[in-house]
Each structure stands twice: as C-alpha cells, then as structure tokens.
Amino acid sequence: MPKINKPDMPLLRAKIREVLAFAPTRKFTEAMILDAANRLVPVPVALDDVRRAIEWNLGSGFVDYVFNRDEDRDEWFLTDRGLAKEGIK
C-alpha cells in the first residue's frame, strides 16, 4: 500500500489563517477553505485535516464562525486576535 503524505499540521493551521486573511471582511465555508488550502500546501489536504486545523485555530482564539441559517452552514472568519496574528489592522 503506498504511503499517503499528510500535511504538516502547524503549516496547515497557519495556512487556514492565511486563507481567511485573503478577504478579512468575508466569511468562508469549509469547502472554500479546503479549496484554497489545497492550492497553498504541497500535499493534498483532506477535509478532516482542514477541520482539525480550523478547530485548533478556534481553540486558540484566532478564528470564529457564525451559522448561516439561510444556507445551513458554518461560515468562518478571523477574530481580532487572528487579524493581529496575521498582521492585519
């Protein structure tokens, strides 16, 4: 069975914030974050990896979400702490 390369989690955690920093006034779905993360890291990223990286950032206070009732989905954004971490004023 071939070995599957996994993304470096600290790198992926940072890339999640980088994705959200692309448009700091917008909110992003998991699908949007997954698509952008796959463009930024050298190995394919699975949705579960993105979810773990998002949860880590949530626990660290760098990201938060709102539930979009019209679309029945969570939408993620950088918090003030996350904006500061990314150097955005």
N, C-alpha and C. Protein backbone atom coordinates (compact mmCIF):
# COMPACT_ATOMS: atom_id res chain seq x y z
N MET A 1 0.85 -1.18 0.00
CA MET A 1 0.00 0.00 0.00
C MET A 1 0.90 1.24 0.00
N PRO A 2 0.68 2.17 -0.92
CA PRO A 2 1.53 3.37 -0.96
C PRO A 2 1.29 4.25 0.26
N LYS A 3 2.36 4.90 0.68
CA LYS A 3 2.28 5.82 1.80
C LYS A 3 1.59 7.11 1.35
N ILE A 4 0.63 7.57 2.15
CA ILE A 4 -0.07 8.82 1.85
C ILE A 4 0.57 9.93 2.66
N ASN A 5 1.02 10.94 1.99
CA ASN A 5 1.62 12.09 2.69
C ASN A 5 0.52 12.90 3.34
N LYS A 6 0.74 13.26 4.59
CA LYS A 6 -0.19 14.12 5.32
C LYS A 6 0.40 15.52 5.39
N PRO A 7 -0.43 16.53 5.41
CA PRO A 7 0.11 17.89 5.52
C PRO A 7 0.71 18.11 6.91
N ASP A 8 1.69 18.95 6.97
CA ASP A 8 2.27 19.36 8.25
C ASP A 8 1.22 20.20 8.97
N MET A 9 0.75 19.73 10.12
CA MET A 9 -0.36 20.41 10.80
C MET A 9 -0.04 21.84 11.23
N PRO A 10 1.14 22.13 11.80
CA PRO A 10 1.41 23.54 12.11
C PRO A 10 1.36 24.43 10.86
N LEU A 11 1.86 23.92 9.74
CA LEU A 11 1.80 24.67 8.49
C LEU A 11 0.35 24.85 8.06
N LEU A 12 -0.44 23.79 8.14
CA LEU A 12 -1.84 23.89 7.73
C LEU A 12 -2.62 24.85 8.62
N ARG A 13 -2.34 24.85 9.91
CA ARG A 13 -3.01 25.79 10.82
C ARG A 13 -2.75 27.23 10.38
N ALA A 14 -1.51 27.51 10.02
CA ALA A 14 -1.15 28.85 9.55
C ALA A 14 -1.81 29.15 8.20
N LYS A 15 -1.87 28.14 7.34
CA LYS A 15 -2.48 28.35 6.01
C LYS A 15 -3.97 28.64 6.12
N ILE A 16 -4.63 28.04 7.12
CA ILE A 16 -6.05 28.34 7.34
C ILE A 16 -6.22 29.83 7.61
N ARG A 17 -5.37 30.38 8.48
CA ARG A 17 -5.44 31.82 8.77
C ARG A 17 -5.09 32.63 7.53
N GLU A 18 -4.12 32.16 6.76
CA GLU A 18 -3.75 32.87 5.53
C GLU A 18 -4.92 32.92 4.56
N VAL A 19 -5.62 31.82 4.43
CA VAL A 19 -6.80 31.77 3.55
C VAL A 19 -7.82 32.80 4.00
N LEU A 20 -8.13 32.81 5.29
CA LEU A 20 -9.12 33.76 5.81
C LEU A 20 -8.65 35.20 5.69
N ALA A 21 -7.34 35.40 5.69
CA ALA A 21 -6.78 36.75 5.56
C ALA A 21 -6.86 37.27 4.12
N PHE A 22 -7.10 36.38 3.15
CA PHE A 22 -7.24 36.84 1.76
C PHE A 22 -8.31 37.91 1.65
N ALA A 23 -9.39 37.73 2.38
CA ALA A 23 -10.51 38.68 2.37
C ALA A 23 -11.03 38.77 3.81
N PRO A 24 -10.34 39.55 4.63
CA PRO A 24 -10.63 39.55 6.07
C PRO A 24 -12.02 40.05 6.46
N THR A 25 -12.75 40.64 5.55
CA THR A 25 -14.11 41.08 5.89
C THR A 25 -15.16 40.08 5.43
N ARG A 26 -14.74 39.00 4.78
CA ARG A 26 -15.67 37.96 4.30
C ARG A 26 -15.67 36.78 5.24
N LYS A 27 -16.65 35.93 5.08
CA LYS A 27 -16.73 34.67 5.80
C LYS A 27 -16.57 33.53 4.79
N PHE A 28 -15.92 32.46 5.22
CA PHE A 28 -15.59 31.36 4.32
C PHE A 28 -16.23 30.06 4.80
N THR A 29 -16.72 29.27 3.88
CA THR A 29 -17.22 27.94 4.20
C THR A 29 -16.06 26.96 4.29
N GLU A 30 -16.30 25.79 4.85
CA GLU A 30 -15.26 24.75 4.88
C GLU A 30 -14.80 24.41 3.48
N ALA A 31 -15.74 24.32 2.54
CA ALA A 31 -15.39 23.97 1.16
C ALA A 31 -14.46 25.03 0.55
N MET A 32 -14.73 26.29 0.82
CA MET A 32 -13.88 27.37 0.30
C MET A 32 -12.48 27.28 0.92
N ILE A 33 -12.42 27.01 2.22
CA ILE A 33 -11.14 26.90 2.91
C ILE A 33 -10.36 25.70 2.39
N LEU A 34 -11.03 24.57 2.21
CA LEU A 34 -10.39 23.37 1.69
C LEU A 34 -9.81 23.62 0.31
N ASP A 35 -10.58 24.23 -0.57
CA ASP A 35 -10.11 24.52 -1.92
C ASP A 35 -8.88 25.42 -1.90
N ALA A 36 -8.92 26.48 -1.13
CA ALA A 36 -7.78 27.40 -1.07
C ALA A 36 -6.58 26.74 -0.41
N ALA A 37 -6.80 25.95 0.64
CA ALA A 37 -5.68 25.27 1.32
C ALA A 37 -4.98 24.31 0.37
N ASN A 38 -5.74 23.63 -0.46
CA ASN A 38 -5.13 22.70 -1.42
C ASN A 38 -4.29 23.42 -2.46
N ARG A 39 -4.54 24.68 -2.66
CA ARG A 39 -3.72 25.48 -3.59
C ARG A 39 -2.45 25.99 -2.93
N LEU A 40 -2.42 25.98 -1.59
CA LEU A 40 -1.30 26.59 -0.86
C LEU A 40 -0.30 25.61 -0.27
N VAL A 41 -0.68 24.36 -0.09
CA VAL A 41 0.22 23.40 0.53
C VAL A 41 0.68 22.38 -0.52
N PRO A 42 1.87 21.80 -0.32
CA PRO A 42 2.44 20.92 -1.35
C PRO A 42 1.82 19.53 -1.44
N VAL A 43 1.07 19.09 -0.43
CA VAL A 43 0.43 17.77 -0.49
C VAL A 43 -1.08 17.95 -0.40
N PRO A 44 -1.84 17.04 -0.97
CA PRO A 44 -3.30 17.16 -0.89
C PRO A 44 -3.80 17.20 0.55
N VAL A 45 -4.78 18.03 0.78
CA VAL A 45 -5.34 18.20 2.11
C VAL A 45 -6.76 17.63 2.11
N ALA A 46 -7.05 16.81 3.12
CA ALA A 46 -8.38 16.24 3.27
C ALA A 46 -9.24 17.16 4.13
N LEU A 47 -10.54 17.05 3.97
CA LEU A 47 -11.46 17.86 4.75
C LEU A 47 -11.26 17.65 6.25
N ASP A 48 -10.99 16.42 6.67
CA ASP A 48 -10.74 16.17 8.10
C ASP A 48 -9.53 16.94 8.61
N ASP A 49 -8.48 17.05 7.78
CA ASP A 49 -7.28 17.82 8.16
C ASP A 49 -7.63 19.29 8.32
N VAL A 50 -8.42 19.81 7.39
CA VAL A 50 -8.85 21.21 7.47
C VAL A 50 -9.69 21.43 8.72
N ARG A 51 -10.57 20.50 9.00
CA ARG A 51 -11.41 20.65 10.20
C ARG A 51 -10.56 20.66 11.47
N ARG A 52 -9.56 19.79 11.55
CA ARG A 52 -8.67 19.78 12.73
C ARG A 52 -7.91 21.09 12.83
N ALA A 53 -7.44 21.62 11.72
CA ALA A 53 -6.70 22.89 11.73
C ALA A 53 -7.62 24.05 12.12
N ILE A 54 -8.84 24.04 11.62
CA ILE A 54 -9.81 25.07 12.00
C ILE A 54 -10.10 24.99 13.49
N GLU A 55 -10.34 23.79 13.99
CA GLU A 55 -10.64 23.61 15.42
C GLU A 55 -9.49 24.10 16.29
N TRP A 56 -8.26 23.84 15.87
CA TRP A 56 -7.10 24.32 16.63
C TRP A 56 -7.10 25.85 16.66
N ASN A 57 -7.34 26.47 15.52
CA ASN A 57 -7.39 27.93 15.45
C ASN A 57 -8.55 28.49 16.27
N LEU A 58 -9.68 27.78 16.27
CA LEU A 58 -10.82 28.19 17.08
C LEU A 58 -10.45 28.13 18.56
N GLY A 59 -9.84 27.05 18.99
CA GLY A 59 -9.41 26.90 20.37
C GLY A 59 -8.37 27.91 20.80
N SER A 60 -7.59 28.40 19.85
CA SER A 60 -6.56 29.40 20.14
C SER A 60 -7.10 30.83 20.03
N GLY A 61 -8.35 30.96 19.63
CA GLY A 61 -8.97 32.28 19.55
C GLY A 61 -8.64 33.05 18.28
N PHE A 62 -8.08 32.38 17.28
CA PHE A 62 -7.71 33.07 16.04
C PHE A 62 -8.85 33.13 15.03
N VAL A 63 -9.78 32.17 15.09
CA VAL A 63 -10.92 32.16 14.18
C VAL A 63 -12.20 31.96 14.97
N ASP A 64 -13.29 32.30 14.34
CA ASP A 64 -14.61 32.04 14.90
C ASP A 64 -15.55 31.81 13.73
N TYR A 65 -16.79 31.53 14.02
CA TYR A 65 -17.75 31.27 12.95
C TYR A 65 -19.12 31.79 13.34
N VAL A 66 -19.94 31.93 12.34
CA VAL A 66 -21.36 32.19 12.52
C VAL A 66 -22.10 31.12 11.73
N PHE A 67 -23.28 30.79 12.20
CA PHE A 67 -24.10 29.83 11.49
C PHE A 67 -25.02 30.59 10.56
N ASN A 68 -24.91 30.31 9.27
CA ASN A 68 -25.75 30.93 8.26
C ASN A 68 -27.03 30.09 8.15
N ARG A 69 -28.12 30.60 8.69
CA ARG A 69 -29.37 29.85 8.72
C ARG A 69 -29.97 29.67 7.32
N ASP A 70 -29.75 30.63 6.44
CA ASP A 70 -30.28 30.52 5.08
C ASP A 70 -29.62 29.36 4.32
N GLU A 71 -28.33 29.18 4.56
CA GLU A 71 -27.57 28.16 3.83
C GLU A 71 -27.34 26.89 4.65
N ASP A 72 -27.71 26.91 5.93
CA ASP A 72 -27.50 25.76 6.84
C ASP A 72 -26.03 25.35 6.91
N ARG A 73 -25.17 26.32 7.17
CA ARG A 73 -23.74 26.02 7.25
C ARG A 73 -23.02 27.02 8.15
N ASP A 74 -21.88 26.57 8.67
CA ASP A 74 -21.00 27.45 9.42
C ASP A 74 -20.16 28.26 8.44
N GLU A 75 -19.88 29.51 8.80
CA GLU A 75 -19.02 30.36 7.99
C GLU A 75 -17.96 30.95 8.90
N TRP A 76 -16.70 30.78 8.50
CA TRP A 76 -15.54 31.07 9.33
C TRP A 76 -14.91 32.41 8.98
N PHE A 77 -14.31 33.05 9.99
CA PHE A 77 -13.64 34.32 9.80
C PHE A 77 -12.55 34.48 10.86
N LEU A 78 -11.63 35.40 10.61
CA LEU A 78 -10.58 35.72 11.58
C LEU A 78 -11.15 36.61 12.68
N THR A 79 -10.78 36.32 13.91
CA THR A 79 -11.14 37.18 15.03
C THR A 79 -10.15 38.35 15.08
N ASP A 80 -10.36 39.27 16.00
CA ASP A 80 -9.40 40.36 16.18
C ASP A 80 -8.02 39.79 16.50
N ARG A 81 -7.98 38.76 17.31
CA ARG A 81 -6.71 38.11 17.65
C ARG A 81 -6.08 37.47 16.41
N GLY A 82 -6.90 36.85 15.56
CA GLY A 82 -6.41 36.26 14.33
C GLY A 82 -5.91 37.30 13.35
N LEU A 83 -6.63 38.41 13.27
CA LEU A 83 -6.18 39.51 12.41
C LEU A 83 -4.83 40.03 12.87
N ALA A 84 -4.66 40.18 14.17
CA ALA A 84 -3.38 40.65 14.72
C ALA A 84 -2.28 39.63 14.42
N LYS A 85 -2.57 38.34 14.57
CA LYS A 85 -1.60 37.29 14.29
C LYS A 85 -1.14 37.34 12.85
N GLU A 86 -2.05 37.67 11.95
CA GLU A 86 -1.73 37.76 10.52
C GLU A 86 -1.21 39.14 10.11
N GLY A 87 -1.11 40.05 11.06
CA GLY A 87 -0.56 41.38 10.77
C GLY A 87 -1.53 42.29 10.04
N ILE A 88 -2.82 42.05 10.23
CA ILE A 88 -3.85 42.86 9.58
C ILE A 88 -4.44 43.80 10.62
N LYS A 89 -4.52 45.07 10.27
CA LYS A 89 -5.07 46.06 11.19
C LYS A 89 -6.49 46.40 10.84
